[in-house]
Each structure stands twice: as C-alpha cells, then as structure tokens.
C-alpha atoms as a PDB file:
ATOM      1  CA  MET A   1     150.275 130.926 116.310  1.00  0.00           C
ATOM      2  CA  PRO A   2     147.512 128.458 117.387  1.00  0.00           C
ATOM      3  CA  ARG A   3     147.984 124.925 116.810  1.00  0.00           C
ATOM      4  CA  TYR A   4     145.022 122.908 115.570  1.00  0.00           C
ATOM      5  CA  PHE A   5     144.444 119.204 115.568  1.00  0.00           C
ATOM      6  CA  PHE A   6     142.696 117.421 112.684  1.00  0.00           C
ATOM      7  CA  ASN A   7     140.782 114.047 114.191  1.00  0.00           C
ATOM      8  CA  ILE A   8     139.316 111.811 111.821  1.00  0.00           C
ATOM      9  CA  MET A   9     135.966 110.544 113.189  1.00  0.00           C
ATOM     10  CA  THR A  10     135.059 107.049 112.259  1.00  0.00           C
ATOM     11  CA  ALA A  11     132.116 104.663 113.140  1.00  0.00           C
ATOM     12  CA  ASN A  12     134.819 102.840 115.282  1.00  0.00           C
ATOM     13  CA  GLY A  13     135.911 106.042 117.141  1.00  0.00           C
ATOM     14  CA  PRO A  14     138.262 108.856 116.512  1.00  0.00           C
ATOM     15  CA  ILE A  15     141.779 108.562 115.053  1.00  0.00           C
ATOM     16  CA  ASP A  16     143.450 111.338 116.887  1.00  0.00           C
ATOM     17  CA  ASP A  17     146.002 113.709 115.310  1.00  0.00           C
ATOM     18  CA  PRO A  18     148.730 113.818 117.959  1.00  0.00           C
ATOM     19  CA  GLU A  19     150.907 116.583 116.282  1.00  0.00           C
ATOM     20  CA  GLY A  20     148.731 119.157 115.053  1.00  0.00           C
ATOM     21  CA  THR A  21     149.573 122.091 112.920  1.00  0.00           C
ATOM     22  CA  GLU A  22     150.237 125.677 113.499  1.00  0.00           C
ATOM     23  CA  LEU A  23     147.998 127.960 111.458  1.00  0.00           C
ATOM     24  CA  ASP A  24     147.005 131.643 111.575  1.00  0.00           C
ATOM     25  CA  ASP A  25     143.310 130.978 112.359  1.00  0.00           C
ATOM     26  CA  LEU A  26     140.187 128.749 112.136  1.00  0.00           C
ATOM     27  CA  GLY A  27     139.713 129.764 108.516  1.00  0.00           C
ATOM     28  CA  GLN A  28     143.031 128.404 107.672  1.00  0.00           C
ATOM     29  CA  ALA A  29     142.310 125.297 109.647  1.00  0.00           C
ATOM     30  CA  ARG A  30     139.127 124.802 107.566  1.00  0.00           C
ATOM     31  CA  ILE A  31     141.174 125.030 104.301  1.00  0.00           C
ATOM     32  CA  GLU A  32     143.618 122.536 105.579  1.00  0.00           C
ATOM     33  CA  ALA A  33     140.781 120.049 106.578  1.00  0.00           C
ATOM     34  CA  ILE A  34     139.148 120.345 103.127  1.00  0.00           C
ATOM     35  CA  ALA A  35     142.505 119.565 101.447  1.00  0.00           C
ATOM     36  CA  ASP A  36     143.053 116.604 103.901  1.00  0.00           C
ATOM     37  CA  ALA A  37     139.576 115.407 103.204  1.00  0.00           C
ATOM     38  CA  ARG A  38     140.254 115.494  99.570  1.00  0.00           C
ATOM     39  CA  ALA A  39     143.627 113.675 100.014  1.00  0.00           C
ATOM     40  CA  LEU A  40     142.037 110.782 102.038  1.00  0.00           C
ATOM     41  CA  MET A  41     139.147 110.477  99.650  1.00  0.00           C
ATOM     42  CA  SER A  42     141.607 110.192  96.715  1.00  0.00           C
ATOM     43  CA  THR A  43     143.888 107.680  98.430  1.00  0.00           C
ATOM     44  CA  ALA A  44     140.769 105.512  99.446  1.00  0.00           C
ATOM     45  CA  MET A  45     139.562 105.531  95.758  1.00  0.00           C
ATOM     46  CA  ARG A  46     142.892 104.467  94.323  1.00  0.00           C
ATOM     47  CA  GLU A  47     143.017 101.852  96.826  1.00  0.00           C
ATOM     48  CA  GLY A  48     139.470 100.589  96.225  1.00  0.00           C
ATOM     49  CA  ARG A  49     138.376 101.267  99.945  1.00  0.00           C
ATOM     50  CA  THR A  50     135.337 103.630 101.026  1.00  0.00           C
ATOM     51  CA  ILE A  51     135.618 106.082 103.651  1.00  0.00           C
ATOM     52  CA  PHE A  52     131.791 107.125 103.765  1.00  0.00           C
ATOM     53  CA  GLY A  53     130.650 108.424 106.959  1.00  0.00           C
ATOM     54  CA  ARG A  54     133.855 109.682 108.062  1.00  0.00           C
ATOM     55  CA  SER A  55     134.539 113.334 109.096  1.00  0.00           C
ATOM     56  CA  ILE A  56     137.298 115.570 110.160  1.00  0.00           C
ATOM     57  CA  GLU A  57     137.000 117.191 113.578  1.00  0.00           C
ATOM     58  CA  ILE A  58     138.946 120.499 114.251  1.00  0.00           C
ATOM     59  CA  CYS A  59     140.255 120.829 117.595  1.00  0.00           C
ATOM     60  CA  ASP A  60     142.484 123.737 119.146  1.00  0.00           C
END
C-alpha cells in the first residue's frame, strides 16, 4: 500500500509531514487532504487565526 505525505505549504516554507499515511491510491489521498484542510481551517477559525494562502501538497 502506498504511503502519502501531506506537507503544508506556507509563505515561510513547507511544514513537512514526517510520517505520512498509508492509503489505497491518490484518490483516497485527495479525500484525506480535503479533510485535513477542513480541520486546519476549523481550528484556525476557533483560535482567531488566519491561514489564507496555505495549501496542502500530496507527495508519495
């Protein structure tokens, strides 16, 4: 099973995912990235922070 890494790209450089996640395929990795992005946005909003301009890079 492939391992995918979800690095967060910021204006100050990437925040690397050192562990990654084993998933069936890139489609599942995309679903995971969307869920991660939603969780990050939700946390940032609750804490009064902005994370505009960030993105998630999927690597294998």
